[in-house]
């Protein structure tokens, strides 16, 4: 992984150094913290941290019945 100073929210997962083992750990953390399931493919396909955050927000609002519109 890159240091915090060398990262931006727009960097791709691979640019940040995300590998398959890190994806597995992120999936586990995601399930523990958000109570949501996410696939490794969804994580890598999200593109960057901004998109991953939007995915989390969308899934959480759906889970709790909120409408962000």
PDB file of N, CA and C in Angstrom:
ATOM      1  N   UNK A   1       0.843  -1.185   0.000  1.00  0.00           N
ATOM      2  CA  UNK A   1       0.000   0.000   0.000  1.00  0.00           C
ATOM      3  C   UNK A   1       0.885   1.245   0.000  1.00  0.00           C
ATOM      4  N   UNK A   2       0.332   2.292  -0.533  1.00  0.00           N
ATOM      5  CA  UNK A   2       1.034   3.570  -0.582  1.00  0.00           C
ATOM      6  C   UNK A   2       0.802   4.323   0.720  1.00  0.00           C
ATOM      7  N   UNK A   3       1.710   5.249   0.996  1.00  0.00           N
ATOM      8  CA  UNK A   3       1.517   6.085   2.175  1.00  0.00           C
ATOM      9  C   UNK A   3       0.344   7.031   1.924  1.00  0.00           C
ATOM     10  N   UNK A   4      -0.241   7.502   2.973  1.00  0.00           N
ATOM     11  CA  UNK A   4      -1.409   8.382   2.877  1.00  0.00           C
ATOM     12  C   UNK A   4      -1.108   9.634   2.054  1.00  0.00           C
ATOM     13  N   UNK A   5       0.094  10.155   2.186  1.00  0.00           N
ATOM     14  CA  UNK A   5       0.475  11.373   1.462  1.00  0.00           C
ATOM     15  C   UNK A   5       0.544  11.149  -0.046  1.00  0.00           C
ATOM     16  N   UNK A   6       0.770   9.907  -0.471  1.00  0.00           N
ATOM     17  CA  UNK A   6       0.912   9.601  -1.894  1.00  0.00           C
ATOM     18  C   UNK A   6      -0.360   9.046  -2.516  1.00  0.00           C
ATOM     19  N   UNK A   7      -1.478   9.162  -1.814  1.00  0.00           N
ATOM     20  CA  UNK A   7      -2.733   8.615  -2.326  1.00  0.00           C
ATOM     21  C   UNK A   7      -3.755   9.717  -2.532  1.00  0.00           C
ATOM     22  N   UNK A   8      -4.640   9.472  -3.495  1.00  0.00           N
ATOM     23  CA  UNK A   8      -5.803  10.334  -3.680  1.00  0.00           C
ATOM     24  C   UNK A   8      -7.033   9.436  -3.753  1.00  0.00           C
ATOM     25  N   UNK A   9      -8.181  10.001  -3.526  1.00  0.00           N
ATOM     26  CA  UNK A   9      -9.420   9.236  -3.573  1.00  0.00           C
ATOM     27  C   UNK A   9      -9.741   8.755  -4.978  1.00  0.00           C
ATOM     28  N   UNK A  10      -9.148   9.403  -5.983  1.00  0.00           N
ATOM     29  CA  UNK A  10      -9.432   9.047  -7.370  1.00  0.00           C
ATOM     30  C   UNK A  10      -8.511   7.959  -7.915  1.00  0.00           C
ATOM     31  N   UNK A  11      -7.503   7.545  -7.161  1.00  0.00           N
ATOM     32  CA  UNK A  11      -6.597   6.490  -7.620  1.00  0.00           C
ATOM     33  C   UNK A  11      -7.356   5.178  -7.733  1.00  0.00           C
ATOM     34  N   UNK A  12      -6.988   4.380  -8.735  1.00  0.00           N
ATOM     35  CA  UNK A  12      -7.622   3.070  -8.867  1.00  0.00           C
ATOM     36  C   UNK A  12      -7.150   2.158  -7.741  1.00  0.00           C
ATOM     37  N   UNK A  13      -7.890   1.090  -7.544  1.00  0.00           N
ATOM     38  CA  UNK A  13      -7.527   0.141  -6.500  1.00  0.00           C
ATOM     39  C   UNK A  13      -6.127  -0.431  -6.743  1.00  0.00           C
ATOM     40  N   UNK A  14      -5.833  -0.733  -7.977  1.00  0.00           N
ATOM     41  CA  UNK A  14      -4.510  -1.296  -8.277  1.00  0.00           C
ATOM     42  C   UNK A  14      -3.414  -0.254  -8.106  1.00  0.00           C
ATOM     43  N   UNK A  15      -3.692   1.002  -8.422  1.00  0.00           N
ATOM     44  CA  UNK A  15      -2.707   2.060  -8.193  1.00  0.00           C
ATOM     45  C   UNK A  15      -2.396   2.223  -6.711  1.00  0.00           C
ATOM     46  N   UNK A  16      -3.378   1.947  -5.865  1.00  0.00           N
ATOM     47  CA  UNK A  16      -3.159   2.028  -4.421  1.00  0.00           C
ATOM     48  C   UNK A  16      -2.408   0.820  -3.887  1.00  0.00           C
ATOM     49  N   UNK A  17      -2.281  -0.214  -4.703  1.00  0.00           N
ATOM     50  CA  UNK A  17      -1.584  -1.417  -4.272  1.00  0.00           C
ATOM     51  C   UNK A  17      -2.513  -2.513  -3.787  1.00  0.00           C
ATOM     52  N   UNK A  18      -3.794  -2.402  -4.091  1.00  0.00           N
ATOM     53  CA  UNK A  18      -4.771  -3.411  -3.681  1.00  0.00           C
ATOM     54  C   UNK A  18      -4.498  -4.721  -4.404  1.00  0.00           C
ATOM     55  N   UNK A  19      -4.334  -5.794  -3.645  1.00  0.00           N
ATOM     56  CA  UNK A  19      -4.169  -7.118  -4.247  1.00  0.00           C
ATOM     57  C   UNK A  19      -5.263  -8.036  -3.719  1.00  0.00           C
ATOM     58  N   UNK A  20      -5.242  -9.286  -4.144  1.00  0.00           N
ATOM     59  CA  UNK A  20      -6.329 -10.203  -3.803  1.00  0.00           C
ATOM     60  C   UNK A  20      -6.447 -10.438  -2.293  1.00  0.00           C
ATOM     61  N   UNK A  21      -5.333 -10.490  -1.594  1.00  0.00           N
ATOM     62  CA  UNK A  21      -5.404 -10.688  -0.139  1.00  0.00           C
ATOM     63  C   UNK A  21      -6.002  -9.476   0.563  1.00  0.00           C
ATOM     64  N   UNK A  22      -5.663  -8.292   0.079  1.00  0.00           N
ATOM     65  CA  UNK A  22      -6.233  -7.077   0.659  1.00  0.00           C
ATOM     66  C   UNK A  22      -7.729  -6.984   0.385  1.00  0.00           C
ATOM     67  N   UNK A  23      -8.140  -7.446  -0.792  1.00  0.00           N
ATOM     68  CA  UNK A  23      -9.569  -7.446  -1.128  1.00  0.00           C
ATOM     69  C   UNK A  23     -10.327  -8.353  -0.171  1.00  0.00           C
ATOM     70  N   UNK A  24      -9.762  -9.500   0.146  1.00  0.00           N
ATOM     71  CA  UNK A  24     -10.399 -10.422   1.095  1.00  0.00           C
ATOM     72  C   UNK A  24     -10.540  -9.763   2.463  1.00  0.00           C
ATOM     73  N   UNK A  25      -9.500  -9.078   2.906  1.00  0.00           N
ATOM     74  CA  UNK A  25      -9.566  -8.376   4.192  1.00  0.00           C
ATOM     75  C   UNK A  25     -10.571  -7.241   4.154  1.00  0.00           C
ATOM     76  N   UNK A  26     -10.630  -6.513   3.033  1.00  0.00           N
ATOM     77  CA  UNK A  26     -11.592  -5.424   2.898  1.00  0.00           C
ATOM     78  C   UNK A  26     -13.019  -5.966   2.916  1.00  0.00           C
ATOM     79  N   UNK A  27     -13.257  -7.093   2.259  1.00  0.00           N
ATOM     80  CA  UNK A  27     -14.593  -7.724   2.283  1.00  0.00           C
ATOM     81  C   UNK A  27     -14.992  -8.067   3.709  1.00  0.00           C
ATOM     82  N   UNK A  28     -14.066  -8.631   4.459  1.00  0.00           N
ATOM     83  CA  UNK A  28     -14.333  -9.003   5.856  1.00  0.00           C
ATOM     84  C   UNK A  28     -14.645  -7.755   6.688  1.00  0.00           C
ATOM     85  N   UNK A  29     -13.850  -6.711   6.506  1.00  0.00           N
ATOM     86  CA  UNK A  29     -14.072  -5.452   7.236  1.00  0.00           C
ATOM     87  C   UNK A  29     -15.424  -4.855   6.869  1.00  0.00           C
ATOM     88  N   UNK A  30     -15.740  -4.846   5.564  1.00  0.00           N
ATOM     89  CA  UNK A  30     -17.005  -4.303   5.044  1.00  0.00           C
ATOM     90  C   UNK A  30     -18.188  -5.002   5.722  1.00  0.00           C
ATOM     91  N   UNK A  31     -18.116  -6.330   5.786  1.00  0.00           N
ATOM     92  CA  UNK A  31     -19.188  -7.113   6.411  1.00  0.00           C
ATOM     93  C   UNK A  31     -19.296  -6.777   7.896  1.00  0.00           C
ATOM     94  N   UNK A  32     -18.172  -6.677   8.575  1.00  0.00           N
ATOM     95  CA  UNK A  32     -18.156  -6.406  10.021  1.00  0.00           C
ATOM     96  C   UNK A  32     -18.657  -4.995  10.334  1.00  0.00           C
ATOM     97  N   UNK A  33     -18.190  -4.006   9.614  1.00  0.00           N
ATOM     98  CA  UNK A  33     -18.533  -2.610   9.911  1.00  0.00           C
ATOM     99  C   UNK A  33     -19.888  -2.177   9.370  1.00  0.00           C
ATOM    100  N   UNK A  34     -20.217  -2.620   8.164  1.00  0.00           N
ATOM    101  CA  UNK A  34     -21.464  -2.178   7.533  1.00  0.00           C
ATOM    102  C   UNK A  34     -22.582  -3.203   7.619  1.00  0.00           C
ATOM    103  N   UNK A  35     -22.240  -4.455   7.899  1.00  0.00           N
ATOM    104  CA  UNK A  35     -23.245  -5.504   7.906  1.00  0.00           C
ATOM    105  C   UNK A  35     -23.746  -5.832   6.509  1.00  0.00           C
ATOM    106  N   UNK A  36     -22.921  -5.570   5.511  1.00  0.00           N
ATOM    107  CA  UNK A  36     -23.283  -5.785   4.113  1.00  0.00           C
ATOM    108  C   UNK A  36     -22.303  -6.756   3.471  1.00  0.00           C
ATOM    109  N   UNK A  37     -22.776  -7.483   2.501  1.00  0.00           N
ATOM    110  CA  UNK A  37     -21.901  -8.357   1.722  1.00  0.00           C
ATOM    111  C   UNK A  37     -21.484  -7.630   0.453  1.00  0.00           C
ATOM    112  N   UNK A  38     -20.241  -7.840   0.063  1.00  0.00           N
ATOM    113  CA  UNK A  38     -19.724  -7.286  -1.183  1.00  0.00           C
ATOM    114  C   UNK A  38     -18.766  -8.317  -1.759  1.00  0.00           C
ATOM    115  N   UNK A  39     -18.773  -8.458  -3.058  1.00  0.00           N
ATOM    116  CA  UNK A  39     -17.878  -9.427  -3.690  1.00  0.00           C
ATOM    117  C   UNK A  39     -16.530  -8.769  -3.991  1.00  0.00           C
ATOM    118  N   UNK A  40     -15.531  -9.597  -4.160  1.00  0.00           N
ATOM    119  CA  UNK A  40     -14.217  -9.100  -4.548  1.00  0.00           C
ATOM    120  C   UNK A  40     -14.315  -8.382  -5.891  1.00  0.00           C
ATOM    121  N   UNK A  41     -15.137  -8.923  -6.775  1.00  0.00           N
ATOM    122  CA  UNK A  41     -15.315  -8.309  -8.091  1.00  0.00           C
ATOM    123  C   UNK A  41     -15.915  -6.915  -7.967  1.00  0.00           C
ATOM    124  N   UNK A  42     -16.893  -6.741  -7.079  1.00  0.00           N
ATOM    125  CA  UNK A  42     -17.497  -5.411  -6.878  1.00  0.00           C
ATOM    126  C   UNK A  42     -16.471  -4.419  -6.355  1.00  0.00           C
ATOM    127  N   UNK A  43     -15.625  -4.867  -5.451  1.00  0.00           N
ATOM    128  CA  UNK A  43     -14.595  -3.982  -4.896  1.00  0.00           C
ATOM    129  C   UNK A  43     -13.663  -3.512  -6.003  1.00  0.00           C
ATOM    130  N   UNK A  44     -13.131  -4.450  -6.770  1.00  0.00           N
ATOM    131  CA  UNK A  44     -12.180  -4.091  -7.815  1.00  0.00           C
ATOM    132  C   UNK A  44     -12.850  -3.322  -8.951  1.00  0.00           C
ATOM    133  N   UNK A  45     -14.102  -3.647  -9.243  1.00  0.00           N
ATOM    134  CA  UNK A  45     -14.816  -2.975 -10.327  1.00  0.00           C
ATOM    135  C   UNK A  45     -15.270  -1.567  -9.933  1.00  0.00           C
ATOM    136  N   UNK A  46     -15.300  -1.277  -8.637  1.00  0.00           N
ATOM    137  CA  UNK A  46     -15.741   0.049  -8.207  1.00  0.00           C
ATOM    138  C   UNK A  46     -14.833   1.138  -8.764  1.00  0.00           C
ATOM    139  N   UNK A  47     -13.589   0.813  -9.001  1.00  0.00           N
ATOM    140  CA  UNK A  47     -12.680   1.766  -9.640  1.00  0.00           C
ATOM    141  C   UNK A  47     -11.796   2.513  -8.679  1.00  0.00           C
ATOM    142  N   UNK A  48     -12.404   3.213  -7.727  1.00  0.00           N
ATOM    143  CA  UNK A  48     -11.613   4.005  -6.772  1.00  0.00           C
ATOM    144  C   UNK A  48     -12.381   4.144  -5.460  1.00  0.00           C
ATOM    145  N   UNK A  49     -11.774   4.834  -4.504  1.00  0.00           N
ATOM    146  CA  UNK A  49     -12.396   4.960  -3.188  1.00  0.00           C
ATOM    147  C   UNK A  49     -13.674   5.786  -3.206  1.00  0.00           C
ATOM    148  N   UNK A  50     -13.740   6.758  -4.093  1.00  0.00           N
ATOM    149  CA  UNK A  50     -14.963   7.563  -4.202  1.00  0.00           C
ATOM    150  C   UNK A  50     -16.133   6.664  -4.616  1.00  0.00           C
ATOM    151  N   UNK A  51     -15.919   5.862  -5.643  1.00  0.00           N
ATOM    152  CA  UNK A  51     -16.972   4.966  -6.122  1.00  0.00           C
ATOM    153  C   UNK A  51     -17.304   3.903  -5.082  1.00  0.00           C
ATOM    154  N   UNK A  52     -16.297   3.410  -4.379  1.00  0.00           N
ATOM    155  CA  UNK A  52     -16.536   2.414  -3.333  1.00  0.00           C
ATOM    156  C   UNK A  52     -17.360   3.022  -2.192  1.00  0.00           C
ATOM    157  N   UNK A  53     -17.081   4.257  -1.850  1.00  0.00           N
ATOM    158  CA  UNK A  53     -17.872   4.956  -0.834  1.00  0.00           C
ATOM    159  C   UNK A  53     -19.312   5.159  -1.258  1.00  0.00           C
ATOM    160  N   UNK A  54     -19.503   5.491  -2.536  1.00  0.00           N
ATOM    161  CA  UNK A  54     -20.863   5.659  -3.060  1.00  0.00           C
ATOM    162  C   UNK A  54     -21.618   4.332  -3.032  1.00  0.00           C
ATOM    163  N   UNK A  55     -20.911   3.258  -3.327  1.00  0.00           N
ATOM    164  CA  UNK A  55     -21.530   1.930  -3.269  1.00  0.00           C
ATOM    165  C   UNK A  55     -21.963   1.608  -1.838  1.00  0.00           C
ATOM    166  N   UNK A  56     -21.116   1.925  -0.881  1.00  0.00           N
ATOM    167  CA  UNK A  56     -21.465   1.703   0.524  1.00  0.00           C
ATOM    168  C   UNK A  56     -22.687   2.530   0.902  1.00  0.00           C
ATOM    169  N   UNK A  57     -22.697   3.795   0.517  1.00  0.00           N
ATOM    170  CA  UNK A  57     -23.824   4.671   0.850  1.00  0.00           C
ATOM    171  C   UNK A  57     -25.123   4.164   0.233  1.00  0.00           C
ATOM    172  N   UNK A  58     -25.059   3.754  -1.015  1.00  0.00           N
ATOM    173  CA  UNK A  58     -26.241   3.234  -1.697  1.00  0.00           C
ATOM    174  C   UNK A  58     -26.774   1.986  -1.004  1.00  0.00           C
ATOM    175  N   UNK A  59     -25.862   1.063  -0.696  1.00  0.00           N
ATOM    176  CA  UNK A  59     -26.283  -0.183  -0.048  1.00  0.00           C
ATOM    177  C   UNK A  59     -26.815   0.056   1.361  1.00  0.00           C
ATOM    178  N   UNK A  60     -26.223   0.978   2.089  1.00  0.00           N
ATOM    179  CA  UNK A  60     -26.706   1.277   3.442  1.00  0.00           C
ATOM    180  C   UNK A  60     -28.068   1.966   3.409  1.00  0.00           C
ATOM    181  N   UNK A  61     -28.256   2.880   2.466  1.00  0.00           N
ATOM    182  CA  UNK A  61     -29.567   3.546   2.396  1.00  0.00           C
ATOM    183  C   UNK A  61     -30.654   2.562   1.998  1.00  0.00           C
ATOM    184  N   UNK A  62     -30.321   1.636   1.124  1.00  0.00           N
ATOM    185  CA  UNK A  62     -31.286   0.592   0.753  1.00  0.00           C
ATOM    186  C   UNK A  62     -31.589  -0.291   1.956  1.00  0.00           C
ATOM    187  N   UNK A  63     -30.562  -0.683   2.669  1.00  0.00           N
ATOM    188  CA  UNK A  63     -30.734  -1.568   3.829  1.00  0.00           C
ATOM    189  C   UNK A  63     -31.638  -0.934   4.885  1.00  0.00           C
ATOM    190  N   UNK A  64     -31.464   0.373   5.104  1.00  0.00           N
ATOM    191  CA  UNK A  64     -32.225   1.028   6.157  1.00  0.00           C
ATOM    192  C   UNK A  64     -33.461   1.768   5.641  1.00  0.00           C
ATOM    193  N   UNK A  65     -33.736   1.623   4.350  1.00  0.00           N
ATOM    194  CA  UNK A  65     -34.975   2.159   3.802  1.00  0.00           C
ATOM    195  C   UNK A  65     -34.993   3.655   3.581  1.00  0.00           C
ATOM    196  N   UNK A  66     -33.845   4.292   3.429  1.00  0.00           N
ATOM    197  CA  UNK A  66     -33.792   5.716   3.164  1.00  0.00           C
ATOM    198  C   UNK A  66     -33.758   5.978   1.671  1.00  0.00           C
ATOM    199  N   UNK A  67     -34.171   7.155   1.281  1.00  0.00           N
ATOM    200  CA  UNK A  67     -34.118   7.562  -0.115  1.00  0.00           C
ATOM    201  C   UNK A  67     -33.266   8.824  -0.187  1.00  0.00           C
ATOM    202  N   UNK A  68     -32.130   8.761  -0.889  1.00  0.00           N
ATOM    203  CA  UNK A  68     -31.222   9.905  -0.971  1.00  0.00           C
ATOM    204  C   UNK A  68     -31.633  10.939  -2.006  1.00  0.00           C
ATOM    205  N   UNK A  69     -32.668  10.684  -2.757  1.00  0.00           N
ATOM    206  CA  UNK A  69     -33.043  11.625  -3.830  1.00  0.00           C
ATOM    207  C   UNK A  69     -33.795  12.804  -3.301  1.00  0.00           C
TER     208      UNK A  69
END
